[in-house]
Amino acid sequence: MPKYILATKLQNPDLVEKRKEQGENWLRLVRERIPDIKWIAHYAILGPYDFLDIFEVKNEQEAAKVSLLSRSAGAIFAETWTAIPYMEFLELVDDLK
């Protein structure tokens, strides 16, 4: 399955006491709506985004759903990127020779 990276910025990161509950609710919602999702990693990060998730789903429509669900669950900003494994990228480069 294709890999995607989701970077999110929370609407109100000051609500520390509710962070765990909100995160668990979001995860449950995504799993209910996209049961075939495979989570690879979840990070809290420093910088312009608050969280970075790496996951696999069958297509870009399902990746878009993950992003939309993030927005509906309190993310003020969500950005999703396609991730190509490095060895596959090198094969693309070889194909261009």
PDB file of N, CA and C in Angstrom:
ATOM      1  N   MET A   1       0.845  -1.184   0.000  1.00  0.00           N
ATOM      2  CA  MET A   1       0.000   0.000   0.000  1.00  0.00           C
ATOM      3  C   MET A   1       0.885   1.240   0.000  1.00  0.00           C
ATOM      4  N   PRO A   2       0.410   2.312  -0.628  1.00  0.00           N
ATOM      5  CA  PRO A   2       1.174   3.560  -0.625  1.00  0.00           C
ATOM      6  C   PRO A   2       1.321   4.136   0.786  1.00  0.00           C
ATOM      7  N   LYS A   3       2.443   4.810   0.994  1.00  0.00           N
ATOM      8  CA  LYS A   3       2.720   5.454   2.281  1.00  0.00           C
ATOM      9  C   LYS A   3       2.428   6.949   2.179  1.00  0.00           C
ATOM     10  N   TYR A   4       1.929   7.496   3.278  1.00  0.00           N
ATOM     11  CA  TYR A   4       1.634   8.924   3.347  1.00  0.00           C
ATOM     12  C   TYR A   4       2.144   9.490   4.658  1.00  0.00           C
ATOM     13  N   ILE A   5       2.429  10.777   4.639  1.00  0.00           N
ATOM     14  CA  ILE A   5       2.855  11.498   5.831  1.00  0.00           C
ATOM     15  C   ILE A   5       1.837  12.601   6.077  1.00  0.00           C
ATOM     16  N   LEU A   6       1.354  12.685   7.303  1.00  0.00           N
ATOM     17  CA  LEU A   6       0.382  13.702   7.692  1.00  0.00           C
ATOM     18  C   LEU A   6       1.012  14.597   8.753  1.00  0.00           C
ATOM     19  N   ALA A   7       1.087  15.883   8.467  1.00  0.00           N
ATOM     20  CA  ALA A   7       1.574  16.854   9.445  1.00  0.00           C
ATOM     21  C   ALA A   7       0.376  17.691   9.894  1.00  0.00           C
ATOM     22  N   THR A   8       0.187  17.809  11.210  1.00  0.00           N
ATOM     23  CA  THR A   8      -0.955  18.564  11.728  1.00  0.00           C
ATOM     24  C   THR A   8      -0.513  19.593  12.755  1.00  0.00           C
ATOM     25  N   LYS A   9      -1.270  20.654  12.790  1.00  0.00           N
ATOM     26  CA  LYS A   9      -1.105  21.701  13.801  1.00  0.00           C
ATOM     27  C   LYS A   9      -2.426  21.773  14.554  1.00  0.00           C
ATOM     28  N   LEU A  10      -2.349  21.699  15.873  1.00  0.00           N
ATOM     29  CA  LEU A  10      -3.560  21.694  16.682  1.00  0.00           C
ATOM     30  C   LEU A  10      -4.198  23.074  16.749  1.00  0.00           C
ATOM     31  N   GLN A  11      -5.511  23.074  16.876  1.00  0.00           N
ATOM     32  CA  GLN A  11      -6.259  24.317  16.996  1.00  0.00           C
ATOM     33  C   GLN A  11      -5.949  25.004  18.316  1.00  0.00           C
ATOM     34  N   ASN A  12      -5.884  24.221  19.392  1.00  0.00           N
ATOM     35  CA  ASN A  12      -5.633  24.791  20.709  1.00  0.00           C
ATOM     36  C   ASN A  12      -4.700  23.869  21.487  1.00  0.00           C
ATOM     37  N   PRO A  13      -3.384  23.975  21.246  1.00  0.00           N
ATOM     38  CA  PRO A  13      -2.460  23.064  21.923  1.00  0.00           C
ATOM     39  C   PRO A  13      -2.347  23.328  23.425  1.00  0.00           C
ATOM     40  N   ASP A  14      -2.952  24.398  23.919  1.00  0.00           N
ATOM     41  CA  ASP A  14      -2.887  24.700  25.349  1.00  0.00           C
ATOM     42  C   ASP A  14      -3.763  23.779  26.193  1.00  0.00           C
ATOM     43  N   LEU A  15      -4.634  23.019  25.573  1.00  0.00           N
ATOM     44  CA  LEU A  15      -5.521  22.127  26.318  1.00  0.00           C
ATOM     45  C   LEU A  15      -4.802  20.824  26.653  1.00  0.00           C
ATOM     46  N   VAL A  16      -3.756  20.918  27.410  1.00  0.00           N
ATOM     47  CA  VAL A  16      -2.920  19.764  27.729  1.00  0.00           C
ATOM     48  C   VAL A  16      -3.719  18.681  28.437  1.00  0.00           C
ATOM     49  N   GLU A  17      -4.607  19.071  29.330  1.00  0.00           N
ATOM     50  CA  GLU A  17      -5.348  18.079  30.106  1.00  0.00           C
ATOM     51  C   GLU A  17      -6.286  17.234  29.244  1.00  0.00           C
ATOM     52  N   LYS A  18      -6.617  17.704  28.058  1.00  0.00           N
ATOM     53  CA  LYS A  18      -7.518  16.947  27.181  1.00  0.00           C
ATOM     54  C   LYS A  18      -6.782  16.304  26.006  1.00  0.00           C
ATOM     55  N   ARG A  19      -5.480  16.498  25.914  1.00  0.00           N
ATOM     56  CA  ARG A  19      -4.729  16.038  24.752  1.00  0.00           C
ATOM     57  C   ARG A  19      -4.840  14.533  24.541  1.00  0.00           C
ATOM     58  N   LYS A  20      -4.647  13.741  25.579  1.00  0.00           N
ATOM     59  CA  LYS A  20      -4.693  12.282  25.442  1.00  0.00           C
ATOM     60  C   LYS A  20      -6.069  11.830  24.981  1.00  0.00           C
ATOM     61  N   GLU A  21      -7.109  12.364  25.595  1.00  0.00           N
ATOM     62  CA  GLU A  21      -8.481  12.000  25.230  1.00  0.00           C
ATOM     63  C   GLU A  21      -8.786  12.393  23.784  1.00  0.00           C
ATOM     64  N   GLN A  22      -8.380  13.586  23.388  1.00  0.00           N
ATOM     65  CA  GLN A  22      -8.628  14.029  22.010  1.00  0.00           C
ATOM     66  C   GLN A  22      -7.890  13.145  21.009  1.00  0.00           C
ATOM     67  N   GLY A  23      -6.637  12.790  21.335  1.00  0.00           N
ATOM     68  CA  GLY A  23      -5.868  11.928  20.451  1.00  0.00           C
ATOM     69  C   GLY A  23      -6.481  10.547  20.311  1.00  0.00           C
ATOM     70  N   GLU A  24      -6.945   9.987  21.415  1.00  0.00           N
ATOM     71  CA  GLU A  24      -7.580   8.667  21.377  1.00  0.00           C
ATOM     72  C   GLU A  24      -8.881   8.709  20.597  1.00  0.00           C
ATOM     73  N   ASN A  25      -9.665   9.789  20.744  1.00  0.00           N
ATOM     74  CA  ASN A  25     -10.914   9.936  19.988  1.00  0.00           C
ATOM     75  C   ASN A  25     -10.638  10.024  18.497  1.00  0.00           C
ATOM     76  N   TRP A  26      -9.604  10.798  18.123  1.00  0.00           N
ATOM     77  CA  TRP A  26      -9.252  10.924  16.711  1.00  0.00           C
ATOM     78  C   TRP A  26      -8.823   9.575  16.141  1.00  0.00           C
ATOM     79  N   LEU A  27      -7.983   8.853  16.871  1.00  0.00           N
ATOM     80  CA  LEU A  27      -7.507   7.562  16.405  1.00  0.00           C
ATOM     81  C   LEU A  27      -8.658   6.579  16.227  1.00  0.00           C
ATOM     82  N   ARG A  28      -9.587   6.559  17.169  1.00  0.00           N
ATOM     83  CA  ARG A  28     -10.755   5.681  17.059  1.00  0.00           C
ATOM     84  C   ARG A  28     -11.603   6.048  15.841  1.00  0.00           C
ATOM     85  N   LEU A  29     -11.808   7.338  15.632  1.00  0.00           N
ATOM     86  CA  LEU A  29     -12.595   7.804  14.490  1.00  0.00           C
ATOM     87  C   LEU A  29     -11.957   7.386  13.171  1.00  0.00           C
ATOM     88  N   VAL A  30     -10.650   7.560  13.045  1.00  0.00           N
ATOM     89  CA  VAL A  30      -9.960   7.172  11.815  1.00  0.00           C
ATOM     90  C   VAL A  30     -10.059   5.663  11.603  1.00  0.00           C
ATOM     91  N   ARG A  31      -9.853   4.890  12.654  1.00  0.00           N
ATOM     92  CA  ARG A  31      -9.926   3.429  12.511  1.00  0.00           C
ATOM     93  C   ARG A  31     -11.331   2.961  12.132  1.00  0.00           C
ATOM     94  N   GLU A  32     -12.353   3.645  12.629  1.00  0.00           N
ATOM     95  CA  GLU A  32     -13.734   3.290  12.275  1.00  0.00           C
ATOM     96  C   GLU A  32     -14.017   3.598  10.803  1.00  0.00           C
ATOM     97  N   ARG A  33     -13.551   4.737  10.330  1.00  0.00           N
ATOM     98  CA  ARG A  33     -13.849   5.184   8.963  1.00  0.00           C
ATOM     99  C   ARG A  33     -12.928   4.578   7.916  1.00  0.00           C
ATOM    100  N   ILE A  34     -11.704   4.244   8.313  1.00  0.00           N
ATOM    101  CA  ILE A  34     -10.715   3.688   7.379  1.00  0.00           C
ATOM    102  C   ILE A  34     -10.092   2.453   8.035  1.00  0.00           C
ATOM    103  N   PRO A  35     -10.821   1.351   8.068  1.00  0.00           N
ATOM    104  CA  PRO A  35     -10.372   0.175   8.821  1.00  0.00           C
ATOM    105  C   PRO A  35      -9.087  -0.464   8.299  1.00  0.00           C
ATOM    106  N   ASP A  36      -8.749  -0.249   7.036  1.00  0.00           N
ATOM    107  CA  ASP A  36      -7.550  -0.864   6.468  1.00  0.00           C
ATOM    108  C   ASP A  36      -6.286  -0.040   6.689  1.00  0.00           C
ATOM    109  N   ILE A  37      -6.382   1.090   7.387  1.00  0.00           N
ATOM    110  CA  ILE A  37      -5.202   1.923   7.612  1.00  0.00           C
ATOM    111  C   ILE A  37      -4.162   1.162   8.417  1.00  0.00           C
ATOM    112  N   LYS A  38      -2.904   1.340   8.033  1.00  0.00           N
ATOM    113  CA  LYS A  38      -1.801   0.739   8.783  1.00  0.00           C
ATOM    114  C   LYS A  38      -0.923   1.884   9.285  1.00  0.00           C
ATOM    115  N   TRP A  39      -0.861   2.039  10.607  1.00  0.00           N
ATOM    116  CA  TRP A  39      -0.041   3.091  11.207  1.00  0.00           C
ATOM    117  C   TRP A  39       1.403   2.636  11.261  1.00  0.00           C
ATOM    118  N   ILE A  40       2.306   3.472  10.801  1.00  0.00           N
ATOM    119  CA  ILE A  40       3.732   3.172  10.837  1.00  0.00           C
ATOM    120  C   ILE A  40       4.404   3.924  11.975  1.00  0.00           C
ATOM    121  N   ALA A  41       4.050   5.204  12.149  1.00  0.00           N
ATOM    122  CA  ALA A  41       4.665   6.001  13.214  1.00  0.00           C
ATOM    123  C   ALA A  41       3.784   7.194  13.550  1.00  0.00           C
ATOM    124  N   HIS A  42       3.927   7.667  14.800  1.00  0.00           N
ATOM    125  CA  HIS A  42       3.222   8.866  15.271  1.00  0.00           C
ATOM    126  C   HIS A  42       4.196   9.631  16.167  1.00  0.00           C
ATOM    127  N   TYR A  43       4.452  10.881  15.810  1.00  0.00           N
ATOM    128  CA  TYR A  43       5.412  11.692  16.549  1.00  0.00           C
ATOM    129  C   TYR A  43       4.808  13.030  16.943  1.00  0.00           C
ATOM    130  N   ALA A  44       5.112  13.476  18.145  1.00  0.00           N
ATOM    131  CA  ALA A  44       4.910  14.868  18.528  1.00  0.00           C
ATOM    132  C   ALA A  44       6.212  15.556  18.133  1.00  0.00           C
ATOM    133  N   ILE A  45       6.117  16.670  17.419  1.00  0.00           N
ATOM    134  CA  ILE A  45       7.324  17.288  16.877  1.00  0.00           C
ATOM    135  C   ILE A  45       7.409  18.767  17.247  1.00  0.00           C
ATOM    136  N   LEU A  46       8.601  19.303  17.153  1.00  0.00           N
ATOM    137  CA  LEU A  46       8.845  20.722  17.361  1.00  0.00           C
ATOM    138  C   LEU A  46       8.848  21.406  15.996  1.00  0.00           C
ATOM    139  N   GLY A  47       8.482  22.664  15.958  1.00  0.00           N
ATOM    140  CA  GLY A  47       8.473  23.391  14.690  1.00  0.00           C
ATOM    141  C   GLY A  47       7.084  23.871  14.358  1.00  0.00           C
ATOM    142  N   PRO A  48       6.799  24.098  13.087  1.00  0.00           N
ATOM    143  CA  PRO A  48       5.503  24.666  12.711  1.00  0.00           C
ATOM    144  C   PRO A  48       4.324  23.712  12.865  1.00  0.00           C
ATOM    145  N   TYR A  49       4.594  22.412  12.967  1.00  0.00           N
ATOM    146  CA  TYR A  49       3.543  21.416  13.154  1.00  0.00           C
ATOM    147  C   TYR A  49       3.651  20.835  14.562  1.00  0.00           C
ATOM    148  N   ASP A  50       2.543  20.286  15.054  1.00  0.00           N
ATOM    149  CA  ASP A  50       2.534  19.650  16.368  1.00  0.00           C
ATOM    150  C   ASP A  50       2.738  18.141  16.298  1.00  0.00           C
ATOM    151  N   PHE A  51       2.221  17.509  15.232  1.00  0.00           N
ATOM    152  CA  PHE A  51       2.304  16.055  15.100  1.00  0.00           C
ATOM    153  C   PHE A  51       2.630  15.652  13.674  1.00  0.00           C
ATOM    154  N   LEU A  52       3.288  14.502  13.554  1.00  0.00           N
ATOM    155  CA  LEU A  52       3.600  13.921  12.260  1.00  0.00           C
ATOM    156  C   LEU A  52       3.240  12.444  12.326  1.00  0.00           C
ATOM    157  N   ASP A  53       2.421  12.006  11.401  1.00  0.00           N
ATOM    158  CA  ASP A  53       1.998  10.602  11.324  1.00  0.00           C
ATOM    159  C   ASP A  53       2.449  10.019   9.999  1.00  0.00           C
ATOM    160  N   ILE A  54       2.899   8.779  10.033  1.00  0.00           N
ATOM    161  CA  ILE A  54       3.239   8.039   8.821  1.00  0.00           C
ATOM    162  C   ILE A  54       2.311   6.831   8.792  1.00  0.00           C
ATOM    163  N   PHE A  55       1.634   6.649   7.662  1.00  0.00           N
ATOM    164  CA  PHE A  55       0.653   5.573   7.573  1.00  0.00           C
ATOM    165  C   PHE A  55       0.540   5.064   6.142  1.00  0.00           C
ATOM    166  N   GLU A  56      -0.086   3.917   6.000  1.00  0.00           N
ATOM    167  CA  GLU A  56      -0.376   3.324   4.697  1.00  0.00           C
ATOM    168  C   GLU A  56      -1.882   3.176   4.549  1.00  0.00           C
ATOM    169  N   VAL A  57      -2.379   3.545   3.388  1.00  0.00           N
ATOM    170  CA  VAL A  57      -3.767   3.298   2.991  1.00  0.00           C
ATOM    171  C   VAL A  57      -3.759   2.934   1.513  1.00  0.00           C
ATOM    172  N   LYS A  58      -4.884   2.452   1.011  1.00  0.00           N
ATOM    173  CA  LYS A  58      -4.862   1.912  -0.352  1.00  0.00           C
ATOM    174  C   LYS A  58      -4.792   2.961  -1.456  1.00  0.00           C
ATOM    175  N   ASN A  59      -5.196   4.210  -1.182  1.00  0.00           N
ATOM    176  CA  ASN A  59      -5.153   5.218  -2.242  1.00  0.00           C
ATOM    177  C   ASN A  59      -5.220   6.639  -1.661  1.00  0.00           C
ATOM    178  N   GLU A  60      -5.086   7.608  -2.545  1.00  0.00           N
ATOM    179  CA  GLU A  60      -5.069   9.001  -2.097  1.00  0.00           C
ATOM    180  C   GLU A  60      -6.426   9.467  -1.570  1.00  0.00           C
ATOM    181  N   GLN A  61      -7.511   8.839  -1.983  1.00  0.00           N
ATOM    182  CA  GLN A  61      -8.821   9.201  -1.431  1.00  0.00           C
ATOM    183  C   GLN A  61      -8.884   8.875   0.059  1.00  0.00           C
ATOM    184  N   GLU A  62      -8.366   7.715   0.434  1.00  0.00           N
ATOM    185  CA  GLU A  62      -8.362   7.362   1.854  1.00  0.00           C
ATOM    186  C   GLU A  62      -7.384   8.240   2.633  1.00  0.00           C
ATOM    187  N   ALA A  63      -6.265   8.610   2.017  1.00  0.00           N
ATOM    188  CA  ALA A  63      -5.329   9.526   2.675  1.00  0.00           C
ATOM    189  C   ALA A  63      -5.995  10.875   2.910  1.00  0.00           C
ATOM    190  N   ALA A  64      -6.794  11.322   1.948  1.00  0.00           N
ATOM    191  CA  ALA A  64      -7.517  12.588   2.104  1.00  0.00           C
ATOM    192  C   ALA A  64      -8.526  12.496   3.249  1.00  0.00           C
ATOM    193  N   LYS A  65      -9.149  11.332   3.413  1.00  0.00           N
ATOM    194  CA  LYS A  65     -10.087  11.152   4.523  1.00  0.00           C
ATOM    195  C   LYS A  65      -9.387  11.301   5.868  1.00  0.00           C
ATOM    196  N   VAL A  66      -8.174  10.748   5.986  1.00  0.00           N
ATOM    197  CA  VAL A  66      -7.418  10.874   7.234  1.00  0.00           C
ATOM    198  C   VAL A  66      -7.175  12.352   7.537  1.00  0.00           C
ATOM    199  N   SER A  67      -6.793  13.088   6.515  1.00  0.00           N
ATOM    200  CA  SER A  67      -6.545  14.522   6.685  1.00  0.00           C
ATOM    201  C   SER A  67      -7.817  15.264   7.072  1.00  0.00           C
ATOM    202  N   LEU A  68      -8.909  14.964   6.418  1.00  0.00           N
ATOM    203  CA  LEU A  68     -10.190  15.620   6.727  1.00  0.00           C
ATOM    204  C   LEU A  68     -10.664  15.291   8.137  1.00  0.00           C
ATOM    205  N   LEU A  69     -10.481  14.051   8.551  1.00  0.00           N
ATOM    206  CA  LEU A  69     -10.857  13.662   9.909  1.00  0.00           C
ATOM    207  C   LEU A  69      -9.997  14.391  10.940  1.00  0.00           C
ATOM    208  N   SER A  70      -8.749  14.636  10.606  1.00  0.00           N
ATOM    209  CA  SER A  70      -7.879  15.402  11.504  1.00  0.00           C
ATOM    210  C   SER A  70      -8.415  16.810  11.685  1.00  0.00           C
ATOM    211  N   ARG A  71      -8.850  17.414  10.586  1.00  0.00           N
ATOM    212  CA  ARG A  71      -9.405  18.767  10.665  1.00  0.00           C
ATOM    213  C   ARG A  71     -10.698  18.774  11.477  1.00  0.00           C
ATOM    214  N   SER A  72     -11.522  17.761  11.291  1.00  0.00           N
ATOM    215  CA  SER A  72     -12.791  17.721  12.026  1.00  0.00           C
ATOM    216  C   SER A  72     -12.587  17.431  13.505  1.00  0.00           C
ATOM    217  N   ALA A  73     -11.413  16.874  13.864  1.00  0.00           N
ATOM    218  CA  ALA A  73     -11.143  16.510  15.259  1.00  0.00           C
ATOM    219  C   ALA A  73     -10.300  17.555  15.988  1.00  0.00           C
ATOM    220  N   GLY A  74     -10.124  18.742  15.389  1.00  0.00           N
ATOM    221  CA  GLY A  74      -9.459  19.813  16.113  1.00  0.00           C
ATOM    222  C   GLY A  74      -8.152  20.311  15.551  1.00  0.00           C
ATOM    223  N   ALA A  75      -7.680  19.744  14.457  1.00  0.00           N
ATOM    224  CA  ALA A  75      -6.469  20.280  13.837  1.00  0.00           C
ATOM    225  C   ALA A  75      -6.843  21.521  13.038  1.00  0.00           C
ATOM    226  N   ILE A  76      -6.119  22.593  13.238  1.00  0.00           N
ATOM    227  CA  ILE A  76      -6.389  23.820  12.487  1.00  0.00           C
ATOM    228  C   ILE A  76      -5.755  23.738  11.104  1.00  0.00           C
ATOM    229  N   PHE A  77      -4.750  22.882  10.991  1.00  0.00           N
ATOM    230  CA  PHE A  77      -4.038  22.730   9.728  1.00  0.00           C
ATOM    231  C   PHE A  77      -3.613  21.282   9.584  1.00  0.00           C
ATOM    232  N   ALA A  78      -3.820  20.709   8.412  1.00  0.00           N
ATOM    233  CA  ALA A  78      -3.388  19.346   8.125  1.00  0.00           C
ATOM    234  C   ALA A  78      -2.847  19.310   6.704  1.00  0.00           C
ATOM    235  N   GLU A  79      -1.681  18.733   6.563  1.00  0.00           N
ATOM    236  CA  GLU A  79      -1.050  18.630   5.247  1.00  0.00           C
ATOM    237  C   GLU A  79      -0.587  17.192   5.058  1.00  0.00           C
ATOM    238  N   THR A  80      -0.911  16.610   3.902  1.00  0.00           N
ATOM    239  CA  THR A  80      -0.574  15.213   3.633  1.00  0.00           C
ATOM    240  C   THR A  80       0.339  15.132   2.419  1.00  0.00           C
ATOM    241  N   TRP A  81       1.380  14.310   2.548  1.00  0.00           N
ATOM    242  CA  TRP A  81       2.328  14.111   1.454  1.00  0.00           C
ATOM    243  C   TRP A  81       2.427  12.629   1.121  1.00  0.00           C
ATOM    244  N   THR A  82       2.667  12.343  -0.159  1.00  0.00           N
ATOM    245  CA  THR A  82       2.960  10.980  -0.586  1.00  0.00           C
ATOM    246  C   THR A  82       4.422  10.691  -0.281  1.00  0.00           C
ATOM    247  N   ALA A  83       4.709   9.502   0.225  1.00  0.00           N
ATOM    248  CA  ALA A  83       6.084   9.111   0.533  1.00  0.00           C
ATOM    249  C   ALA A  83       6.493   7.948  -0.362  1.00  0.00           C
ATOM    250  N   ILE A  84       7.595   8.119  -1.062  1.00  0.00           N
ATOM    251  CA  ILE A  84       8.134   7.063  -1.920  1.00  0.00           C
ATOM    252  C   ILE A  84       9.377   6.503  -1.234  1.00  0.00           C
ATOM    253  N   PRO A  85       9.396   5.204  -0.952  1.00  0.00           N
ATOM    254  CA  PRO A  85      10.599   4.622  -0.346  1.00  0.00           C
ATOM    255  C   PRO A  85      11.829   4.923  -1.210  1.00  0.00           C
ATOM    256  N   TYR A  86      12.953   5.172  -0.558  1.00  0.00           N
ATOM    257  CA  TYR A  86      14.154   5.632  -1.246  1.00  0.00           C
ATOM    258  C   TYR A  86      14.601   4.675  -2.356  1.00  0.00           C
ATOM    259  N   MET A  87      14.553   3.382  -2.111  1.00  0.00           N
ATOM    260  CA  MET A  87      14.990   2.423  -3.140  1.00  0.00           C
ATOM    261  C   MET A  87      14.077   2.482  -4.361  1.00  0.00           C
ATOM    262  N   GLU A  88      12.794   2.682  -4.158  1.00  0.00           N
ATOM    263  CA  GLU A  88      11.867   2.847  -5.282  1.00  0.00           C
ATOM    264  C   GLU A  88      12.159   4.143  -6.030  1.00  0.00           C
ATOM    265  N   PHE A  89      12.530   5.184  -5.293  1.00  0.00           N
ATOM    266  CA  PHE A  89      12.905   6.450  -5.922  1.00  0.00           C
ATOM    267  C   PHE A  89      14.126   6.261  -6.820  1.00  0.00           C
ATOM    268  N   LEU A  90      15.104   5.504  -6.334  1.00  0.00           N
ATOM    269  CA  LEU A  90      16.301   5.246  -7.158  1.00  0.00           C
ATOM    270  C   LEU A  90      15.944   4.488  -8.428  1.00  0.00           C
ATOM    271  N   GLU A  91      14.962   3.586  -8.348  1.00  0.00           N
ATOM    272  CA  GLU A  91      14.506   2.885  -9.547  1.00  0.00           C
ATOM    273  C   GLU A  91      13.881   3.865 -10.540  1.00  0.00           C
ATOM    274  N   LEU A  92      13.137   4.850 -10.034  1.00  0.00           N
ATOM    275  CA  LEU A  92      12.580   5.886 -10.910  1.00  0.00           C
ATOM    276  C   LEU A  92      13.694   6.657 -11.622  1.00  0.00           C
ATOM    277  N   VAL A  93      14.737   6.976 -10.878  1.00  0.00           N
ATOM    278  CA  VAL A  93      15.872   7.686 -11.459  1.00  0.00           C
ATOM    279  C   VAL A  93      16.509   6.847 -12.551  1.00  0.00           C
ATOM    280  N   ASP A  94      16.694   5.559 -12.286  1.00  0.00           N
ATOM    281  CA  ASP A  94      17.275   4.667 -13.298  1.00  0.00           C
ATOM    282  C   ASP A  94      16.406   4.599 -14.547  1.00  0.00           C
ATOM    283  N   ASP A  95      15.089   4.628 -14.390  1.00  0.00           N
ATOM    284  CA  ASP A  95      14.194   4.581 -15.532  1.00  0.00           C
ATOM    285  C   ASP A  95      14.326   5.807 -16.426  1.00  0.00           C
ATOM    286  N   LEU A  96      14.839   6.896 -15.875  1.00  0.00           N
ATOM    287  CA  LEU A  96      14.968   8.132 -16.649  1.00  0.00           C
ATOM    288  C   LEU A  96      16.280   8.191 -17.456  1.00  0.00           C
ATOM    289  N   LYS A  97      17.161   7.252 -17.213  1.00  0.00           N
ATOM    290  CA  LYS A  97      18.452   7.257 -17.923  1.00  0.00           C
ATOM    291  C   LYS A  97      18.282   6.836 -19.361  1.00  0.00           C
TER     292      LYS A  97
END
